[in-house]
Amino acid sequence: MTKIYAHITGSGSYLPKRVLSNQELTRTVATSDEWIKERTGIAQRHIAADGETTSDLGVIAAQRAMKDAGLTGSDIDLIVVATSTPDYTFPSTATLIQERLGIRHGAAFDLQAVCSGFIYGLHVTEKLVRAGGVRHALLIGAETFSRILDWEDRTTCVLFGDGAGAFVLSASEDEGGVLSSFIRSDGQYRELLYVDGGPSKTQTVGHLRMIGNQVFKHAVTDIAAAMRQCANDANISIDDVDWFVPHQANQRILNGVAKKLKISPGKVISTVAEHANTSAASVPLAFDYAVKDGRIKRGDKVMVEAFGGGFTWGAAVFDF
């Protein structure tokens, strides 16, 4: 029986046009540019325009990823969207994007693992491609987190922004592509990072709530462990990886993980200053940024990782 591998054949991203700087935030919340940069590394974030939805962002990222892969909608058999800020309770944002792309075949569904959503999506999508029946899949991380922020809470509103990123995963008989992926969760810590509303619980959307120092401690430890496990499963060492693309949550977390694993800062892609934490969109956004500026090249070995509410976390490594 022919063995199938899942290769990443294209990437794309999109950030809303409106930029909200730290200086602008100081006009509405008790904070400062220095305070935000010192604790997070964030200088600005992008905010979706009035009426601009998660699916709007996802469509553009998907179109750019398909163009990068040299494909059209007729080639896509599967769409998976990682998001915690869907357009509607249902139908899924994935089906809305499917319709906008003019795709009338295949399947589309959403996946929710908060900031780890794209890693979870990569874990699931890669296995569906390798199982056969899917030639090309779109994996999209898209968020409008600005819609669930309490803009009077300086401990959370300064951290997040809106955006979307996408991968095309394609079936191939050539070895390589996604080498391994690792996902985990632990629901006992859910109250450290959560949204205080929902259809069943409160019949409202709610706002994001977080105890940041506790999240930080768990994130550094759990991400580092996931990265070690992922490398071990792929029969490689951390030193074999050319580039690390972490979830862009906080520069201190990025630095903490790199220090724990003795990773050179020069091998870590950081875009958190430019777009803050875009949840499930942050990994593909950062990856696409580094591909477009020429740092990540074909043939490089790349590890991606994330940590999010739930708690959820995970990592994946692939030959690009």
Protein backbone atom coordinates (compact mmCIF):
# COMPACT_ATOMS: atom_id res chain seq x y z
CA MET A 1 0.00 0.00 0.00
CA THR A 2 1.33 3.43 -0.97
CA LYS A 3 2.30 5.59 1.99
CA ILE A 4 1.00 9.16 1.90
CA TYR A 5 2.65 12.18 3.51
CA ALA A 6 1.18 15.62 4.23
CA HIS A 7 3.31 18.47 2.91
CA ILE A 8 2.79 22.18 3.50
CA THR A 9 2.63 23.54 -0.04
CA GLY A 10 1.44 27.08 0.61
CA SER A 11 0.91 29.72 3.27
CA GLY A 12 -0.92 33.01 3.49
CA SER A 13 -1.98 35.60 6.04
CA TYR A 14 -4.03 38.72 6.54
CA LEU A 15 -4.13 41.51 9.11
CA PRO A 16 -6.91 44.12 9.26
CA LYS A 17 -5.93 47.59 8.09
CA ARG A 18 -6.59 49.39 11.36
CA VAL A 19 -3.55 49.50 13.66
CA LEU A 20 -4.08 50.23 17.36
CA SER A 21 -0.83 51.38 18.96
CA ASN A 22 0.07 51.28 22.63
CA GLN A 23 0.03 55.08 22.66
CA GLU A 24 -3.54 55.12 21.39
CA LEU A 25 -4.59 52.64 24.08
CA THR A 26 -3.30 54.97 26.80
CA ARG A 27 -6.11 57.38 25.93
CA THR A 28 -8.78 54.92 27.06
CA VAL A 29 -7.14 52.67 29.65
CA ALA A 30 -4.71 53.27 32.52
CA THR A 31 -1.51 51.95 30.99
CA SER A 32 1.60 53.12 29.15
CA ASP A 33 3.65 52.14 26.14
CA GLU A 34 6.58 51.32 28.43
CA TRP A 35 4.44 49.15 30.74
CA ILE A 36 3.04 47.09 27.84
CA LYS A 37 6.39 46.64 26.06
CA GLU A 38 8.26 45.70 29.24
CA ARG A 39 5.75 43.00 30.21
CA THR A 40 4.71 41.69 26.80
CA GLY A 41 6.94 42.99 23.99
CA ILE A 42 3.82 44.23 22.18
CA ALA A 43 3.93 47.60 20.38
CA GLN A 44 0.69 47.44 18.41
CA ARG A 45 -2.18 45.23 17.32
CA HIS A 46 -4.55 45.12 14.33
CA ILE A 47 -8.29 45.54 14.88
CA ALA A 48 -11.03 44.37 12.52
CA ALA A 49 -13.16 47.12 11.04
CA ASP A 50 -16.83 47.46 11.91
CA GLY A 51 -18.62 44.71 10.04
CA GLU A 52 -15.39 42.84 9.26
CA THR A 53 -15.80 39.27 10.49
CA THR A 54 -13.61 36.29 11.26
CA SER A 55 -14.65 34.66 7.97
CA ASP A 56 -13.68 37.84 6.08
CA LEU A 57 -10.17 37.61 7.48
CA GLY A 58 -10.00 33.86 6.89
CA VAL A 59 -11.07 34.13 3.25
CA ILE A 60 -8.20 36.47 2.38
CA ALA A 61 -5.61 34.35 4.19
CA ALA A 62 -6.96 31.24 2.43
CA GLN A 63 -6.87 32.88 -0.99
CA ARG A 64 -3.26 33.91 -0.46
CA ALA A 65 -2.30 30.42 0.72
CA MET A 66 -3.95 28.81 -2.31
CA LYS A 67 -2.18 31.25 -4.64
CA ASP A 68 1.12 30.44 -2.94
CA ALA A 69 0.45 26.72 -3.51
CA GLY A 70 -0.63 27.29 -7.13
CA LEU A 71 -4.13 25.98 -6.45
CA THR A 72 -7.72 27.10 -6.87
CA GLY A 73 -10.88 26.32 -4.94
CA SER A 74 -11.62 23.36 -7.19
CA ASP A 75 -8.49 21.65 -5.82
CA ILE A 76 -9.47 21.92 -2.16
CA ASP A 77 -11.14 18.88 -0.58
CA LEU A 78 -11.18 19.96 3.06
CA ILE A 79 -11.33 23.20 5.07
CA VAL A 80 -10.55 23.26 8.78
CA VAL A 81 -10.86 26.56 10.64
CA ALA A 82 -9.36 27.01 14.09
CA THR A 83 -11.18 29.84 15.86
CA SER A 84 -12.66 30.87 19.20
CA THR A 85 -14.46 33.86 17.66
CA PRO A 86 -16.74 32.40 14.97
CA ASP A 87 -19.11 34.56 12.94
CA TYR A 88 -22.08 32.60 14.30
CA THR A 89 -22.78 29.93 16.88
CA PHE A 90 -23.59 27.95 13.73
CA PRO A 91 -23.10 27.38 10.85
CA SER A 92 -19.36 26.94 11.15
CA THR A 93 -17.02 29.67 9.96
CA ALA A 94 -15.39 27.00 7.78
CA THR A 95 -18.58 26.52 5.75
CA LEU A 96 -18.92 30.28 5.32
CA ILE A 97 -15.38 30.42 3.95
CA GLN A 98 -16.08 27.38 1.77
CA GLU A 99 -19.03 29.20 0.20
CA ARG A 100 -17.06 32.41 -0.29
CA LEU A 101 -14.33 30.49 -2.07
CA GLY A 102 -16.88 28.94 -4.42
CA ILE A 103 -16.17 25.39 -3.26
CA ARG A 104 -19.12 23.03 -3.70
CA HIS A 105 -17.47 19.74 -2.76
CA GLY A 106 -15.54 18.23 0.11
CA ALA A 107 -16.05 19.05 3.79
CA ALA A 108 -15.54 21.99 6.13
CA PHE A 109 -15.64 22.30 9.91
CA ASP A 110 -14.43 24.46 12.80
CA LEU A 111 -12.08 23.37 15.56
CA GLN A 112 -11.87 25.12 18.95
CA ALA A 113 -8.78 24.89 21.14
CA VAL A 114 -8.29 28.63 21.72
CA CYS A 115 -4.68 29.75 21.13
CA SER A 116 -3.60 26.15 20.47
CA GLY A 117 -6.26 25.77 17.79
CA PHE A 118 -3.91 25.90 14.82
CA ILE A 119 -1.62 23.24 16.33
CA TYR A 120 -4.64 21.04 17.07
CA GLY A 121 -5.84 21.72 13.52
CA LEU A 122 -2.48 20.72 12.06
CA HIS A 123 -2.54 17.53 14.12
CA VAL A 124 -6.03 16.62 12.82
CA THR A 125 -5.68 17.81 9.23
CA GLU A 126 -2.35 16.07 8.65
CA LYS A 127 -3.88 12.76 9.71
CA LEU A 128 -6.91 13.22 7.45
CA VAL A 129 -4.61 13.92 4.51
CA ARG A 130 -2.45 10.90 5.28
CA ALA A 131 -5.52 8.67 5.61
CA GLY A 132 -6.29 9.25 1.92
CA GLY A 133 -9.21 10.86 0.14
CA VAL A 134 -7.97 14.44 0.70
CA ARG A 135 -5.67 15.80 -1.99
CA HIS A 136 -5.39 19.34 -0.69
CA ALA A 137 -6.65 20.79 2.60
CA LEU A 138 -6.93 24.37 3.80
CA LEU A 139 -6.06 24.85 7.47
CA ILE A 140 -6.99 28.34 8.65
CA GLY A 141 -6.51 30.11 11.96
CA ALA A 142 -8.72 33.21 12.11
CA GLU A 143 -9.77 35.40 15.02
CA THR A 144 -11.49 38.66 15.90
CA PHE A 145 -10.53 38.67 19.57
CA SER A 146 -11.22 42.40 19.79
CA ARG A 147 -14.92 41.44 19.95
CA ILE A 148 -14.54 39.53 23.25
CA LEU A 149 -12.21 41.92 25.10
CA ASP A 150 -13.11 44.07 28.06
CA TRP A 151 -11.53 47.33 26.88
CA GLU A 152 -11.46 48.64 30.46
CA ASP A 153 -9.32 45.73 31.71
CA ARG A 154 -5.71 46.73 31.07
CA THR A 155 -4.42 43.28 32.03
CA THR A 156 -6.09 41.69 28.99
CA CYS A 157 -7.10 44.29 26.39
CA VAL A 158 -3.48 45.22 25.64
CA LEU A 159 -2.54 41.64 24.78
CA PHE A 160 -4.77 40.68 21.87
CA GLY A 161 -5.48 41.57 18.25
CA ASP A 162 -7.24 40.29 15.14
CA GLY A 163 -5.86 38.41 12.15
CA ALA A 164 -5.79 35.23 10.08
CA GLY A 165 -3.27 32.81 8.67
CA ALA A 166 -3.55 29.68 6.53
CA PHE A 167 -1.65 26.62 5.35
CA VAL A 168 -2.34 24.37 2.40
CA LEU A 169 -1.55 20.74 3.23
CA SER A 170 -1.18 18.47 0.21
CA ALA A 171 -0.97 14.70 -0.10
CA SER A 172 2.26 13.34 -1.57
CA GLU A 173 4.09 10.06 -1.91
CA ASP A 174 7.35 11.92 -1.24
CA GLU A 175 8.69 11.44 2.27
CA GLY A 176 8.75 14.43 4.60
CA GLY A 177 6.18 17.08 5.29
CA VAL A 178 4.72 16.90 8.79
CA LEU A 179 7.03 14.68 10.81
CA SER A 180 5.19 14.61 14.12
CA SER A 181 2.64 16.51 16.20
CA PHE A 182 1.75 16.42 19.87
CA ILE A 183 -1.35 17.85 21.61
CA ARG A 184 -2.50 17.90 25.22
CA SER A 185 -5.09 19.56 27.50
CA ASP A 186 -5.90 19.89 31.19
CA GLY A 187 -9.33 21.26 32.08
CA GLN A 188 -8.61 21.78 35.77
CA TYR A 189 -6.98 25.13 34.95
CA ARG A 190 -9.83 26.53 32.86
CA GLU A 191 -10.56 29.41 35.26
CA LEU A 192 -7.09 30.87 34.73
CA LEU A 193 -7.95 31.78 31.13
CA TYR A 194 -11.53 31.78 29.92
CA VAL A 195 -14.44 33.80 28.53
CA ASP A 196 -17.19 34.55 31.05
CA GLY A 197 -20.09 33.97 28.67
CA GLY A 198 -21.55 31.52 26.17
CA PRO A 199 -24.83 30.37 24.56
CA SER A 200 -25.62 27.64 27.09
CA LYS A 201 -24.18 29.20 30.25
CA THR A 202 -25.20 32.86 30.02
CA GLN A 203 -26.81 33.35 26.60
CA THR A 204 -24.19 36.07 26.00
CA VAL A 205 -20.85 36.32 24.25
CA GLY A 206 -18.92 37.35 27.36
CA HIS A 207 -15.42 38.79 27.84
CA LEU A 208 -11.99 37.25 28.12
CA ARG A 209 -10.63 36.84 31.66
CA MET A 210 -7.12 35.79 32.63
CA ILE A 211 -4.77 35.42 35.58
CA GLY A 212 -1.65 36.17 33.60
CA ASN A 213 1.13 35.21 36.01
CA GLN A 214 -0.36 31.74 36.51
CA VAL A 215 -0.78 31.22 32.76
CA PHE A 216 2.85 32.23 32.23
CA LYS A 217 4.17 29.60 34.65
CA HIS A 218 2.20 26.77 33.05
CA ALA A 219 2.90 27.93 29.50
CA VAL A 220 6.70 27.86 29.71
CA THR A 221 6.80 24.43 31.38
CA ASP A 222 4.15 22.72 29.26
CA ILE A 223 5.29 24.16 25.92
CA ALA A 224 8.89 23.10 26.52
CA ALA A 225 7.76 19.56 27.41
CA ALA A 226 5.57 19.37 24.29
CA MET A 227 8.43 20.50 22.08
CA ARG A 228 10.76 17.88 23.53
CA GLN A 229 8.13 15.17 23.03
CA CYS A 230 7.43 16.29 19.47
CA ALA A 231 11.12 16.20 18.57
CA ASN A 232 11.48 12.78 20.19
CA ASP A 233 8.50 11.42 18.23
CA ALA A 234 10.10 12.66 15.01
CA ASN A 235 13.44 11.06 15.97
CA ILE A 236 15.25 14.38 15.88
CA SER A 237 16.79 16.66 18.48
CA ILE A 238 15.81 20.24 19.25
CA ASP A 239 19.18 21.24 17.75
CA ASP A 240 18.13 19.73 14.39
CA VAL A 241 15.35 22.31 14.00
CA ASP A 242 16.19 25.32 11.81
CA TRP A 243 13.34 27.59 12.90
CA PHE A 244 10.94 27.76 15.81
CA VAL A 245 7.60 29.51 15.25
CA PRO A 246 5.85 29.90 18.61
CA HIS A 247 2.41 31.17 19.41
CA GLN A 248 2.85 34.93 19.66
CA ALA A 249 1.37 35.45 23.11
CA ASN A 250 4.03 37.32 25.03
CA GLN A 251 7.72 37.93 24.35
CA ARG A 252 8.57 36.85 27.90
CA ILE A 253 7.02 33.42 27.24
CA LEU A 254 8.94 33.11 23.96
CA ASN A 255 12.16 33.99 25.76
CA GLY A 256 11.39 31.66 28.68
CA VAL A 257 10.83 28.63 26.47
CA ALA A 258 13.91 29.36 24.36
CA LYS A 259 16.04 29.65 27.50
CA LYS A 260 14.62 26.44 28.98
CA LEU A 261 15.47 24.49 25.81
CA LYS A 262 18.73 26.35 25.12
CA ILE A 263 17.47 27.60 21.75
CA SER A 264 19.34 30.48 20.14
CA PRO A 265 17.08 33.57 20.03
CA GLY A 266 18.10 33.98 16.39
CA LYS A 267 16.21 30.78 15.51
CA VAL A 268 12.93 31.97 17.08
CA ILE A 269 10.43 33.84 14.88
CA SER A 270 8.87 36.68 16.85
CA THR A 271 6.17 38.94 15.43
CA VAL A 272 4.37 39.65 18.70
CA ALA A 273 5.45 43.31 18.61
CA GLU A 274 3.62 43.86 15.32
CA HIS A 275 0.32 42.03 15.84
CA ALA A 276 0.10 40.97 19.52
CA ASN A 277 -1.71 37.75 20.44
CA THR A 278 -4.06 36.73 17.64
CA SER A 279 -4.88 33.38 19.28
CA ALA A 280 -5.30 30.58 16.70
CA ALA A 281 -4.07 32.90 13.93
CA SER A 282 -0.71 33.77 15.49
CA VAL A 283 1.34 30.72 14.42
CA PRO A 284 0.43 30.82 10.69
CA LEU A 285 0.74 34.64 10.72
CA ALA A 286 4.28 34.46 12.13
CA PHE A 287 5.23 31.58 9.82
CA ASP A 288 3.98 33.36 6.70
CA TYR A 289 5.74 36.56 7.78
CA ALA A 290 9.06 34.71 8.04
CA VAL A 291 8.55 32.92 4.71
CA LYS A 292 7.77 36.17 2.92
CA ASP A 293 10.80 37.98 4.38
CA GLY A 294 13.07 35.14 3.27
CA ARG A 295 14.12 33.68 6.60
CA ILE A 296 12.22 30.38 6.35
CA LYS A 297 13.08 28.61 3.10
CA ARG A 298 12.07 25.39 1.38
CA GLY A 299 13.92 22.47 2.91
CA ASP A 300 14.08 24.01 6.38
CA LYS A 301 12.94 22.04 9.39
CA VAL A 302 10.36 24.06 11.35
CA MET A 303 8.76 23.53 14.76
CA VAL A 304 5.54 25.30 15.73
CA GLU A 305 3.98 25.39 19.20
CA ALA A 306 1.19 27.02 21.18
CA PHE A 307 -0.51 27.24 24.57
CA GLY A 308 -4.07 28.36 25.17
CA GLY A 309 -7.14 28.43 27.39
CA GLY A 310 -8.51 25.13 28.54
CA PHE A 311 -5.58 24.64 29.19
CA THR A 312 -4.56 23.32 25.76
CA TRP A 313 -1.07 23.07 24.31
CA GLY A 314 0.92 21.30 21.65
CA ALA A 315 3.70 21.32 19.08
CA ALA A 316 4.41 20.06 15.57
CA VAL A 317 7.52 19.75 13.44
CA PHE A 318 7.72 19.58 9.65
CA ASP A 319 10.07 19.76 6.71
CA PHE A 320 8.96 22.77 4.73
